[in-house]
């Protein structure tokens, strides 16, 4: 987008749903992998959490799922839960056990 940049800080952070995992990109081309979310600045299709970036990208948190190219984790629907990170589809959310019920969305236990 810009010519004559003189510092890395002048480069644009990778945009939502994408991962900028290659140097010298002029535009993002690779979607974030299923099981991960990428809001902004993701350096990999499977980005690991760093404390300062935990709100921007990382493994899909427990209680949710992330399909390919997800910017915001999707909560598991009512009646289901997911106790582990890395859910890739709604089918990753399991049903509540017989004799119990789950109210609300995004449950992790």
PDB file of N, CA and C in Angstrom:
ATOM      1  N   UNK A   1       0.794  -1.200   0.000  1.00  0.00           N
ATOM      2  CA  UNK A   1       0.000   0.000   0.000  1.00  0.00           C
ATOM      3  C   UNK A   1       0.841   1.271   0.000  1.00  0.00           C
ATOM      4  N   UNK A   2       2.027   1.223   0.599  1.00  0.00           N
ATOM      5  CA  UNK A   2       2.835   2.421   0.740  1.00  0.00           C
ATOM      6  C   UNK A   2       4.215   2.207   0.136  1.00  0.00           C
ATOM      7  N   UNK A   3       4.785   3.285  -0.370  1.00  0.00           N
ATOM      8  CA  UNK A   3       6.146   3.250  -0.902  1.00  0.00           C
ATOM      9  C   UNK A   3       7.063   4.010   0.044  1.00  0.00           C
ATOM     10  N   UNK A   4       8.329   3.665   0.019  1.00  0.00           N
ATOM     11  CA  UNK A   4       9.326   4.407   0.766  1.00  0.00           C
ATOM     12  C   UNK A   4       9.268   4.246   2.271  1.00  0.00           C
ATOM     13  N   UNK A   5       8.850   3.110   2.754  1.00  0.00           N
ATOM     14  CA  UNK A   5       8.817   2.900   4.202  1.00  0.00           C
ATOM     15  C   UNK A   5      10.235   2.754   4.728  1.00  0.00           C
ATOM     16  N   UNK A   6      10.470   3.251   5.928  1.00  0.00           N
ATOM     17  CA  UNK A   6      11.825   3.223   6.475  1.00  0.00           C
ATOM     18  C   UNK A   6      11.943   2.421   7.768  1.00  0.00           C
ATOM     19  N   UNK A   7      10.823   1.875   8.286  1.00  0.00           N
ATOM     20  CA  UNK A   7      10.879   1.108   9.527  1.00  0.00           C
ATOM     21  C   UNK A   7       9.774   0.051   9.540  1.00  0.00           C
ATOM     22  N   UNK A   8      10.051  -1.067  10.198  1.00  0.00           N
ATOM     23  CA  UNK A   8       9.061  -2.134  10.321  1.00  0.00           C
ATOM     24  C   UNK A   8       7.769  -1.621  10.934  1.00  0.00           C
ATOM     25  N   UNK A   9       7.871  -0.689  11.854  1.00  0.00           N
ATOM     26  CA  UNK A   9       6.684  -0.152  12.526  1.00  0.00           C
ATOM     27  C   UNK A   9       5.737   0.552  11.553  1.00  0.00           C
ATOM     28  N   UNK A  10       6.218   0.889  10.374  1.00  0.00           N
ATOM     29  CA  UNK A  10       5.370   1.536   9.369  1.00  0.00           C
ATOM     30  C   UNK A  10       4.588   0.515   8.535  1.00  0.00           C
ATOM     31  N   UNK A  11       4.934  -0.754   8.648  1.00  0.00           N
ATOM     32  CA  UNK A  11       4.213  -1.805   7.931  1.00  0.00           C
ATOM     33  C   UNK A  11       2.854  -2.036   8.594  1.00  0.00           C
ATOM     34  N   UNK A  12       1.884  -2.446   7.818  1.00  0.00           N
ATOM     35  CA  UNK A  12       0.537  -2.686   8.306  1.00  0.00           C
ATOM     36  C   UNK A  12       0.446  -4.066   8.942  1.00  0.00           C
ATOM     37  N   UNK A  13      -0.129  -4.180  10.151  1.00  0.00           N
ATOM     38  CA  UNK A  13      -0.302  -5.503  10.770  1.00  0.00           C
ATOM     39  C   UNK A  13      -1.208  -6.378   9.899  1.00  0.00           C
ATOM     40  N   UNK A  14      -0.973  -7.659   9.943  1.00  0.00           N
ATOM     41  CA  UNK A  14      -1.790  -8.606   9.195  1.00  0.00           C
ATOM     42  C   UNK A  14      -3.246  -8.438   9.621  1.00  0.00           C
ATOM     43  N   UNK A  15      -4.167  -8.447   8.650  1.00  0.00           N
ATOM     44  CA  UNK A  15      -5.569  -8.185   8.964  1.00  0.00           C
ATOM     45  C   UNK A  15      -6.306  -9.434   9.445  1.00  0.00           C
ATOM     46  N   UNK A  16      -7.477  -9.207   9.998  1.00  0.00           N
ATOM     47  CA  UNK A  16      -8.298 -10.271  10.580  1.00  0.00           C
ATOM     48  C   UNK A  16      -8.543 -11.397   9.589  1.00  0.00           C
ATOM     49  N   UNK A  17      -8.573 -12.609  10.103  1.00  0.00           N
ATOM     50  CA  UNK A  17      -8.798 -13.884   9.415  1.00  0.00           C
ATOM     51  C   UNK A  17      -7.568 -14.399   8.681  1.00  0.00           C
ATOM     52  N   UNK A  18      -6.518 -13.595   8.574  1.00  0.00           N
ATOM     53  CA  UNK A  18      -5.310 -13.981   7.846  1.00  0.00           C
ATOM     54  C   UNK A  18      -4.107 -14.123   8.765  1.00  0.00           C
ATOM     55  N   UNK A  19      -3.098 -14.846   8.278  1.00  0.00           N
ATOM     56  CA  UNK A  19      -1.812 -14.965   8.948  1.00  0.00           C
ATOM     57  C   UNK A  19      -0.740 -14.508   7.971  1.00  0.00           C
ATOM     58  N   UNK A  20       0.143 -13.669   8.408  1.00  0.00           N
ATOM     59  CA  UNK A  20       1.255 -13.197   7.577  1.00  0.00           C
ATOM     60  C   UNK A  20       2.495 -13.974   7.997  1.00  0.00           C
ATOM     61  N   UNK A  21       2.634 -15.180   7.447  1.00  0.00           N
ATOM     62  CA  UNK A  21       3.683 -16.102   7.876  1.00  0.00           C
ATOM     63  C   UNK A  21       4.883 -16.145   6.934  1.00  0.00           C
ATOM     64  N   UNK A  22       4.954 -15.182   6.038  1.00  0.00           N
ATOM     65  CA  UNK A  22       6.068 -15.080   5.095  1.00  0.00           C
ATOM     66  C   UNK A  22       6.577 -13.637   5.111  1.00  0.00           C
ATOM     67  N   UNK A  23       7.871 -13.462   4.952  1.00  0.00           N
ATOM     68  CA  UNK A  23       8.419 -12.105   4.887  1.00  0.00           C
ATOM     69  C   UNK A  23       8.156 -11.493   3.517  1.00  0.00           C
ATOM     70  N   UNK A  24       8.235 -10.198   3.424  1.00  0.00           N
ATOM     71  CA  UNK A  24       8.120  -9.422   2.186  1.00  0.00           C
ATOM     72  C   UNK A  24       6.753  -9.520   1.522  1.00  0.00           C
ATOM     73  N   UNK A  25       5.696  -9.682   2.314  1.00  0.00           N
ATOM     74  CA  UNK A  25       4.344  -9.705   1.753  1.00  0.00           C
ATOM     75  C   UNK A  25       3.888  -8.291   1.424  1.00  0.00           C
ATOM     76  N   UNK A  26       3.146  -8.160   0.346  1.00  0.00           N
ATOM     77  CA  UNK A  26       2.524  -6.878   0.035  1.00  0.00           C
ATOM     78  C   UNK A  26       1.037  -6.909   0.383  1.00  0.00           C
ATOM     79  N   UNK A  27       0.525  -8.115   0.649  1.00  0.00           N
ATOM     80  CA  UNK A  27      -0.855  -8.304   1.091  1.00  0.00           C
ATOM     81  C   UNK A  27      -0.957  -9.692   1.721  1.00  0.00           C
ATOM     82  N   UNK A  28      -1.851  -9.882   2.693  1.00  0.00           N
ATOM     83  CA  UNK A  28      -2.010 -11.210   3.286  1.00  0.00           C
ATOM     84  C   UNK A  28      -2.672 -12.163   2.290  1.00  0.00           C
ATOM     85  N   UNK A  29      -2.232 -13.429   2.288  1.00  0.00           N
ATOM     86  CA  UNK A  29      -2.772 -14.400   1.332  1.00  0.00           C
ATOM     87  C   UNK A  29      -3.215 -15.703   1.985  1.00  0.00           C
ATOM     88  N   UNK A  30      -2.792 -15.976   3.218  1.00  0.00           N
ATOM     89  CA  UNK A  30      -3.063 -17.256   3.857  1.00  0.00           C
ATOM     90  C   UNK A  30      -4.040 -17.089   5.013  1.00  0.00           C
ATOM     91  N   UNK A  31      -5.124 -17.856   4.985  1.00  0.00           N
ATOM     92  CA  UNK A  31      -6.116 -17.821   6.061  1.00  0.00           C
ATOM     93  C   UNK A  31      -5.560 -18.500   7.313  1.00  0.00           C
ATOM     94  N   UNK A  32      -5.992 -18.054   8.458  1.00  0.00           N
ATOM     95  CA  UNK A  32      -5.671 -18.682   9.728  1.00  0.00           C
ATOM     96  C   UNK A  32      -6.228 -20.110   9.708  1.00  0.00           C
ATOM     97  N   UNK A  33      -5.507 -21.072  10.257  1.00  0.00           N
ATOM     98  CA  UNK A  33      -5.917 -22.477  10.244  1.00  0.00           C
ATOM     99  C   UNK A  33      -7.106 -22.725  11.165  1.00  0.00           C
ATOM    100  N   UNK A  34      -7.881 -23.761  10.843  1.00  0.00           N
ATOM    101  CA  UNK A  34      -8.969 -24.188  11.724  1.00  0.00           C
ATOM    102  C   UNK A  34      -8.376 -24.559  13.083  1.00  0.00           C
ATOM    103  N   UNK A  35      -9.089 -24.198  14.154  1.00  0.00           N
ATOM    104  CA  UNK A  35      -8.599 -24.454  15.508  1.00  0.00           C
ATOM    105  C   UNK A  35      -7.856 -23.273  16.100  1.00  0.00           C
ATOM    106  N   UNK A  36      -7.719 -22.193  15.320  1.00  0.00           N
ATOM    107  CA  UNK A  36      -7.013 -20.980  15.746  1.00  0.00           C
ATOM    108  C   UNK A  36      -7.833 -19.762  15.337  1.00  0.00           C
ATOM    109  N   UNK A  37      -7.645 -18.648  16.059  1.00  0.00           N
ATOM    110  CA  UNK A  37      -8.284 -17.393  15.665  1.00  0.00           C
ATOM    111  C   UNK A  37      -7.210 -16.356  15.383  1.00  0.00           C
ATOM    112  N   UNK A  38      -7.492 -15.475  14.439  1.00  0.00           N
ATOM    113  CA  UNK A  38      -6.550 -14.432  14.029  1.00  0.00           C
ATOM    114  C   UNK A  38      -7.320 -13.125  13.863  1.00  0.00           C
ATOM    115  N   UNK A  39      -7.215 -12.243  14.861  1.00  0.00           N
ATOM    116  CA  UNK A  39      -7.870 -10.935  14.772  1.00  0.00           C
ATOM    117  C   UNK A  39      -6.984  -9.930  14.043  1.00  0.00           C
ATOM    118  N   UNK A  40      -5.730  -9.823  14.489  1.00  0.00           N
ATOM    119  CA  UNK A  40      -4.808  -8.877  13.860  1.00  0.00           C
ATOM    120  C   UNK A  40      -3.379  -9.276  14.213  1.00  0.00           C
ATOM    121  N   UNK A  41      -2.482  -9.158  13.245  1.00  0.00           N
ATOM    122  CA  UNK A  41      -1.057  -9.351  13.486  1.00  0.00           C
ATOM    123  C   UNK A  41      -0.584 -10.785  13.646  1.00  0.00           C
ATOM    124  N   UNK A  42      -1.352 -11.777  13.203  1.00  0.00           N
ATOM    125  CA  UNK A  42      -0.951 -13.178  13.380  1.00  0.00           C
ATOM    126  C   UNK A  42       0.289 -13.495  12.530  1.00  0.00           C
ATOM    127  N   UNK A  43       1.347 -14.031  13.154  1.00  0.00           N
ATOM    128  CA  UNK A  43       2.586 -14.319  12.441  1.00  0.00           C
ATOM    129  C   UNK A  43       2.658 -15.740  11.870  1.00  0.00           C
ATOM    130  N   UNK A  44       1.603 -16.534  12.077  1.00  0.00           N
ATOM    131  CA  UNK A  44       1.599 -17.937  11.656  1.00  0.00           C
ATOM    132  C   UNK A  44       0.158 -18.373  11.457  1.00  0.00           C
ATOM    133  N   UNK A  45      -0.079 -19.404  10.612  1.00  0.00           N
ATOM    134  CA  UNK A  45      -1.434 -19.931  10.443  1.00  0.00           C
ATOM    135  C   UNK A  45      -1.875 -20.702  11.684  1.00  0.00           C
ATOM    136  N   UNK A  46      -0.917 -21.098  12.505  1.00  0.00           N
ATOM    137  CA  UNK A  46      -1.189 -21.762  13.783  1.00  0.00           C
ATOM    138  C   UNK A  46      -0.475 -20.986  14.895  1.00  0.00           C
ATOM    139  N   UNK A  47      -0.916 -19.760  15.153  1.00  0.00           N
ATOM    140  CA  UNK A  47      -0.196 -18.895  16.093  1.00  0.00           C
ATOM    141  C   UNK A  47      -0.303 -19.355  17.541  1.00  0.00           C
ATOM    142  N   UNK A  48       0.819 -19.289  18.226  1.00  0.00           N
ATOM    143  CA  UNK A  48       0.857 -19.594  19.652  1.00  0.00           C
ATOM    144  C   UNK A  48       0.603 -18.321  20.432  1.00  0.00           C
ATOM    145  N   UNK A  49       0.088 -18.462  21.637  1.00  0.00           N
ATOM    146  CA  UNK A  49      -0.206 -17.301  22.475  1.00  0.00           C
ATOM    147  C   UNK A  49       1.059 -16.680  23.029  1.00  0.00           C
ATOM    148  N   UNK A  50       1.070 -15.374  23.064  1.00  0.00           N
ATOM    149  CA  UNK A  50       2.055 -14.592  23.809  1.00  0.00           C
ATOM    150  C   UNK A  50       1.219 -13.693  24.692  1.00  0.00           C
ATOM    151  N   UNK A  51       1.651 -13.426  25.892  1.00  0.00           N
ATOM    152  CA  UNK A  51       0.841 -12.634  26.820  1.00  0.00           C
ATOM    153  C   UNK A  51       0.300 -11.357  26.205  1.00  0.00           C
ATOM    154  N   UNK A  52       1.145 -10.611  25.512  1.00  0.00           N
ATOM    155  CA  UNK A  52       0.711  -9.325  24.974  1.00  0.00           C
ATOM    156  C   UNK A  52      -0.208  -9.467  23.769  1.00  0.00           C
ATOM    157  N   UNK A  53      -0.248 -10.644  23.139  1.00  0.00           N
ATOM    158  CA  UNK A  53      -1.049 -10.839  21.933  1.00  0.00           C
ATOM    159  C   UNK A  53      -2.227 -11.779  22.133  1.00  0.00           C
ATOM    160  N   UNK A  54      -2.492 -12.220  23.360  1.00  0.00           N
ATOM    161  CA  UNK A  54      -3.499 -13.249  23.588  1.00  0.00           C
ATOM    162  C   UNK A  54      -4.893 -12.850  23.120  1.00  0.00           C
ATOM    163  N   UNK A  55      -5.185 -11.575  23.050  1.00  0.00           N
ATOM    164  CA  UNK A  55      -6.496 -11.141  22.562  1.00  0.00           C
ATOM    165  C   UNK A  55      -6.531 -11.047  21.034  1.00  0.00           C
ATOM    166  N   UNK A  56      -5.370 -11.096  20.390  1.00  0.00           N
ATOM    167  CA  UNK A  56      -5.307 -10.905  18.945  1.00  0.00           C
ATOM    168  C   UNK A  56      -5.229 -12.186  18.131  1.00  0.00           C
ATOM    169  N   UNK A  57      -4.639 -13.243  18.676  1.00  0.00           N
ATOM    170  CA  UNK A  57      -4.528 -14.509  17.956  1.00  0.00           C
ATOM    171  C   UNK A  57      -4.107 -15.616  18.900  1.00  0.00           C
ATOM    172  N   UNK A  58      -4.340 -16.857  18.480  1.00  0.00           N
ATOM    173  CA  UNK A  58      -3.923 -18.000  19.277  1.00  0.00           C
ATOM    174  C   UNK A  58      -4.821 -19.199  19.058  1.00  0.00           C
ATOM    175  N   UNK A  59      -4.588 -20.263  19.819  1.00  0.00           N
ATOM    176  CA  UNK A  59      -5.465 -21.433  19.728  1.00  0.00           C
ATOM    177  C   UNK A  59      -6.886 -21.061  20.147  1.00  0.00           C
ATOM    178  N   UNK A  60      -7.847 -21.662  19.511  1.00  0.00           N
ATOM    179  CA  UNK A  60      -9.242 -21.413  19.866  1.00  0.00           C
ATOM    180  C   UNK A  60      -9.449 -21.838  21.317  1.00  0.00           C
ATOM    181  N   UNK A  61     -10.004 -20.982  22.158  1.00  0.00           N
ATOM    182  CA  UNK A  61     -10.128 -21.309  23.582  1.00  0.00           C
ATOM    183  C   UNK A  61     -11.190 -22.375  23.867  1.00  0.00           C
ATOM    184  N   UNK A  62     -11.075 -23.017  25.022  1.00  0.00           N
ATOM    185  CA  UNK A  62     -12.086 -23.975  25.470  1.00  0.00           C
ATOM    186  C   UNK A  62     -13.445 -23.282  25.474  1.00  0.00           C
ATOM    187  N   UNK A  63     -14.497 -24.054  25.175  1.00  0.00           N
ATOM    188  CA  UNK A  63     -15.845 -23.499  25.134  1.00  0.00           C
ATOM    189  C   UNK A  63     -16.214 -22.886  23.804  1.00  0.00           C
ATOM    190  N   UNK A  64     -15.326 -23.023  22.806  1.00  0.00           N
ATOM    191  CA  UNK A  64     -15.579 -22.415  21.500  1.00  0.00           C
ATOM    192  C   UNK A  64     -14.947 -23.243  20.388  1.00  0.00           C
ATOM    193  N   UNK A  65     -15.221 -22.823  19.149  1.00  0.00           N
ATOM    194  CA  UNK A  65     -14.590 -23.452  17.990  1.00  0.00           C
ATOM    195  C   UNK A  65     -14.211 -22.373  16.988  1.00  0.00           C
ATOM    196  N   UNK A  66     -13.234 -22.680  16.137  1.00  0.00           N
ATOM    197  CA  UNK A  66     -12.733 -21.738  15.141  1.00  0.00           C
ATOM    198  C   UNK A  66     -12.520 -22.473  13.818  1.00  0.00           C
ATOM    199  N   UNK A  67     -13.342 -22.173  12.841  1.00  0.00           N
ATOM    200  CA  UNK A  67     -13.146 -22.725  11.508  1.00  0.00           C
ATOM    201  C   UNK A  67     -12.025 -21.960  10.828  1.00  0.00           C
ATOM    202  N   UNK A  68     -11.562 -22.412   9.683  1.00  0.00           N
ATOM    203  CA  UNK A  68     -10.488 -21.723   8.956  1.00  0.00           C
ATOM    204  C   UNK A  68     -10.871 -20.262   8.733  1.00  0.00           C
ATOM    205  N   UNK A  69      -9.934 -19.362   8.985  1.00  0.00           N
ATOM    206  CA  UNK A  69     -10.169 -17.940   8.755  1.00  0.00           C
ATOM    207  C   UNK A  69     -11.042 -17.274   9.809  1.00  0.00           C
ATOM    208  N   UNK A  70     -11.013 -17.753  11.031  1.00  0.00           N
ATOM    209  CA  UNK A  70     -11.827 -17.183  12.112  1.00  0.00           C
ATOM    210  C   UNK A  70     -11.098 -16.002  12.766  1.00  0.00           C
ATOM    211  N   UNK A  71     -11.810 -14.884  12.899  1.00  0.00           N
ATOM    212  CA  UNK A  71     -11.261 -13.734  13.618  1.00  0.00           C
ATOM    213  C   UNK A  71     -11.654 -13.790  15.092  1.00  0.00           C
ATOM    214  N   UNK A  72     -12.889 -14.186  15.378  1.00  0.00           N
ATOM    215  CA  UNK A  72     -13.394 -14.268  16.746  1.00  0.00           C
ATOM    216  C   UNK A  72     -13.906 -15.676  17.009  1.00  0.00           C
ATOM    217  N   UNK A  73     -13.418 -16.341  18.066  1.00  0.00           N
ATOM    218  CA  UNK A  73     -13.909 -17.677  18.387  1.00  0.00           C
ATOM    219  C   UNK A  73     -15.436 -17.694  18.514  1.00  0.00           C
ATOM    220  N   UNK A  74     -16.050 -18.787  18.036  1.00  0.00           N
ATOM    221  CA  UNK A  74     -17.504 -18.943  18.082  1.00  0.00           C
ATOM    222  C   UNK A  74     -17.846 -19.803  19.303  1.00  0.00           C
ATOM    223  N   UNK A  75     -18.700 -19.297  20.217  1.00  0.00           N
ATOM    224  CA  UNK A  75     -19.044 -20.076  21.408  1.00  0.00           C
ATOM    225  C   UNK A  75     -19.783 -21.365  21.048  1.00  0.00           C
ATOM    226  N   UNK A  76     -19.508 -22.435  21.780  1.00  0.00           N
ATOM    227  CA  UNK A  76     -20.288 -23.659  21.623  1.00  0.00           C
ATOM    228  C   UNK A  76     -21.746 -23.332  21.922  1.00  0.00           C
ATOM    229  N   UNK A  77     -22.685 -23.918  21.164  1.00  0.00           N
ATOM    230  CA  UNK A  77     -24.102 -23.600  21.389  1.00  0.00           C
ATOM    231  C   UNK A  77     -24.648 -24.206  22.683  1.00  0.00           C
ATOM    232  N   UNK A  78     -25.821 -23.722  23.090  1.00  0.00           N
ATOM    233  CA  UNK A  78     -26.483 -24.263  24.275  1.00  0.00           C
ATOM    234  C   UNK A  78     -26.630 -25.769  24.140  1.00  0.00           C
ATOM    235  N   UNK A  79     -26.489 -26.473  25.252  1.00  0.00           N
ATOM    236  CA  UNK A  79     -26.618 -27.914  25.261  1.00  0.00           C
ATOM    237  C   UNK A  79     -25.320 -28.635  24.952  1.00  0.00           C
ATOM    238  N   UNK A  80     -24.247 -27.851  24.683  1.00  0.00           N
ATOM    239  CA  UNK A  80     -22.945 -28.440  24.364  1.00  0.00           C
ATOM    240  C   UNK A  80     -21.849 -27.737  25.150  1.00  0.00           C
ATOM    241  N   UNK A  81     -20.653 -28.326  25.134  1.00  0.00           N
ATOM    242  CA  UNK A  81     -19.487 -27.728  25.778  1.00  0.00           C
ATOM    243  C   UNK A  81     -18.235 -28.262  25.083  1.00  0.00           C
ATOM    244  N   UNK A  82     -17.111 -27.625  25.348  1.00  0.00           N
ATOM    245  CA  UNK A  82     -15.815 -28.096  24.862  1.00  0.00           C
ATOM    246  C   UNK A  82     -14.793 -27.758  25.937  1.00  0.00           C
ATOM    247  N   UNK A  83     -14.155 -28.780  26.514  1.00  0.00           N
ATOM    248  CA  UNK A  83     -13.225 -28.550  27.617  1.00  0.00           C
ATOM    249  C   UNK A  83     -11.798 -28.277  27.149  1.00  0.00           C
ATOM    250  N   UNK A  84     -11.469 -28.639  25.923  1.00  0.00           N
ATOM    251  CA  UNK A  84     -10.107 -28.450  25.404  1.00  0.00           C
ATOM    252  C   UNK A  84     -10.043 -27.254  24.453  1.00  0.00           C
ATOM    253  N   UNK A  85      -8.837 -26.752  24.238  1.00  0.00           N
ATOM    254  CA  UNK A  85      -8.633 -25.698  23.243  1.00  0.00           C
ATOM    255  C   UNK A  85      -8.550 -26.337  21.862  1.00  0.00           C
ATOM    256  N   UNK A  86      -8.621 -25.515  20.813  1.00  0.00           N
ATOM    257  CA  UNK A  86      -8.385 -25.985  19.453  1.00  0.00           C
ATOM    258  C   UNK A  86      -9.576 -26.557  18.717  1.00  0.00           C
ATOM    259  N   UNK A  87     -10.798 -26.256  19.143  1.00  0.00           N
ATOM    260  CA  UNK A  87     -11.987 -26.735  18.426  1.00  0.00           C
ATOM    261  C   UNK A  87     -12.012 -26.202  17.003  1.00  0.00           C
ATOM    262  N   UNK A  88     -12.324 -27.057  16.027  1.00  0.00           N
ATOM    263  CA  UNK A  88     -12.260 -26.674  14.614  1.00  0.00           C
ATOM    264  C   UNK A  88     -13.613 -26.490  13.950  1.00  0.00           C
ATOM    265  N   UNK A  89     -14.686 -26.965  14.573  1.00  0.00           N
ATOM    266  CA  UNK A  89     -16.035 -26.863  13.999  1.00  0.00           C
ATOM    267  C   UNK A  89     -17.045 -27.024  15.121  1.00  0.00           C
ATOM    268  N   UNK A  90     -18.305 -26.699  14.845  1.00  0.00           N
ATOM    269  CA  UNK A  90     -19.337 -26.851  15.863  1.00  0.00           C
ATOM    270  C   UNK A  90     -19.397 -28.294  16.362  1.00  0.00           C
ATOM    271  N   UNK A  91     -19.094 -29.252  15.488  1.00  0.00           N
ATOM    272  CA  UNK A  91     -19.079 -30.663  15.878  1.00  0.00           C
ATOM    273  C   UNK A  91     -18.007 -30.951  16.937  1.00  0.00           C
ATOM    274  N   UNK A  92     -17.050 -30.028  17.135  1.00  0.00           N
ATOM    275  CA  UNK A  92     -16.028 -30.172  18.178  1.00  0.00           C
ATOM    276  C   UNK A  92     -16.615 -29.988  19.568  1.00  0.00           C
ATOM    277  N   UNK A  93     -17.793 -29.392  19.643  1.00  0.00           N
ATOM    278  CA  UNK A  93     -18.481 -29.184  20.919  1.00  0.00           C
ATOM    279  C   UNK A  93     -19.300 -30.437  21.208  1.00  0.00           C
ATOM    280  N   UNK A  94     -19.114 -31.009  22.381  1.00  0.00           N
ATOM    281  CA  UNK A  94     -19.818 -32.238  22.724  1.00  0.00           C
ATOM    282  C   UNK A  94     -21.097 -31.977  23.481  1.00  0.00           C
ATOM    283  N   UNK A  95     -22.041 -32.923  23.415  1.00  0.00           N
ATOM    284  CA  UNK A  95     -23.304 -32.752  24.121  1.00  0.00           C
ATOM    285  C   UNK A  95     -23.128 -32.901  25.632  1.00  0.00           C
ATOM    286  N   UNK A  96     -23.961 -32.224  26.376  1.00  0.00           N
ATOM    287  CA  UNK A  96     -23.970 -32.395  27.823  1.00  0.00           C
ATOM    288  C   UNK A  96     -24.394 -33.828  28.125  1.00  0.00           C
ATOM    289  N   UNK A  97     -23.877 -34.388  29.188  1.00  0.00           N
ATOM    290  CA  UNK A  97     -24.137 -35.779  29.566  1.00  0.00           C
ATOM    291  C   UNK A  97     -25.599 -35.994  29.939  1.00  0.00           C
ATOM    292  N   UNK A  98     -26.055 -37.246  29.780  1.00  0.00           N
ATOM    293  CA  UNK A  98     -27.404 -37.618  30.207  1.00  0.00           C
ATOM    294  C   UNK A  98     -27.532 -37.332  31.705  1.00  0.00           C
ATOM    295  N   UNK A  99     -28.675 -36.833  32.095  1.00  0.00           N
ATOM    296  CA  UNK A  99     -28.898 -36.486  33.495  1.00  0.00           C
ATOM    297  C   UNK A  99     -28.459 -35.081  33.836  1.00  0.00           C
ATOM    298  N   UNK A 100     -27.924 -34.354  32.852  1.00  0.00           N
ATOM    299  CA  UNK A 100     -27.474 -32.973  33.065  1.00  0.00           C
ATOM    300  C   UNK A 100     -27.969 -32.123  31.905  1.00  0.00           C
ATOM    301  N   UNK A 101     -27.943 -30.816  32.103  1.00  0.00           N
ATOM    302  CA  UNK A 101     -28.249 -29.916  31.002  1.00  0.00           C
ATOM    303  C   UNK A 101     -27.290 -28.736  31.047  1.00  0.00           C
ATOM    304  N   UNK A 102     -27.116 -28.111  29.901  1.00  0.00           N
ATOM    305  CA  UNK A 102     -26.168 -26.994  29.769  1.00  0.00           C
ATOM    306  C   UNK A 102     -26.953 -25.777  29.290  1.00  0.00           C
ATOM    307  N   UNK A 103     -27.005 -24.730  30.102  1.00  0.00           N
ATOM    308  CA  UNK A 103     -27.622 -23.486  29.663  1.00  0.00           C
ATOM    309  C   UNK A 103     -26.518 -22.509  29.325  1.00  0.00           C
ATOM    310  N   UNK A 104     -26.767 -21.653  28.405  1.00  0.00           N
ATOM    311  CA  UNK A 104     -25.768 -20.684  27.990  1.00  0.00           C
ATOM    312  C   UNK A 104     -24.891 -21.234  26.878  1.00  0.00           C
ATOM    313  N   UNK A 105     -24.087 -20.359  26.318  1.00  0.00           N
ATOM    314  CA  UNK A 105     -23.173 -20.734  25.251  1.00  0.00           C
ATOM    315  C   UNK A 105     -21.743 -20.595  25.733  1.00  0.00           C
ATOM    316  N   UNK A 106     -20.815 -21.232  25.028  1.00  0.00           N
ATOM    317  CA  UNK A 106     -19.408 -21.101  25.352  1.00  0.00           C
ATOM    318  C   UNK A 106     -18.965 -21.817  26.607  1.00  0.00           C
ATOM    319  N   UNK A 107     -19.649 -22.888  26.967  1.00  0.00           N
ATOM    320  CA  UNK A 107     -19.293 -23.623  28.183  1.00  0.00           C
ATOM    321  C   UNK A 107     -18.057 -24.492  27.953  1.00  0.00           C
ATOM    322  N   UNK A 108     -17.216 -24.557  28.984  1.00  0.00           N
ATOM    323  CA  UNK A 108     -15.973 -25.333  28.865  1.00  0.00           C
ATOM    324  C   UNK A 108     -15.897 -26.487  29.852  1.00  0.00           C
ATOM    325  N   UNK A 109     -16.888 -26.673  30.679  1.00  0.00           N
ATOM    326  CA  UNK A 109     -16.883 -27.798  31.625  1.00  0.00           C
ATOM    327  C   UNK A 109     -18.294 -28.206  31.988  1.00  0.00           C
TER     328      UNK A 109
END
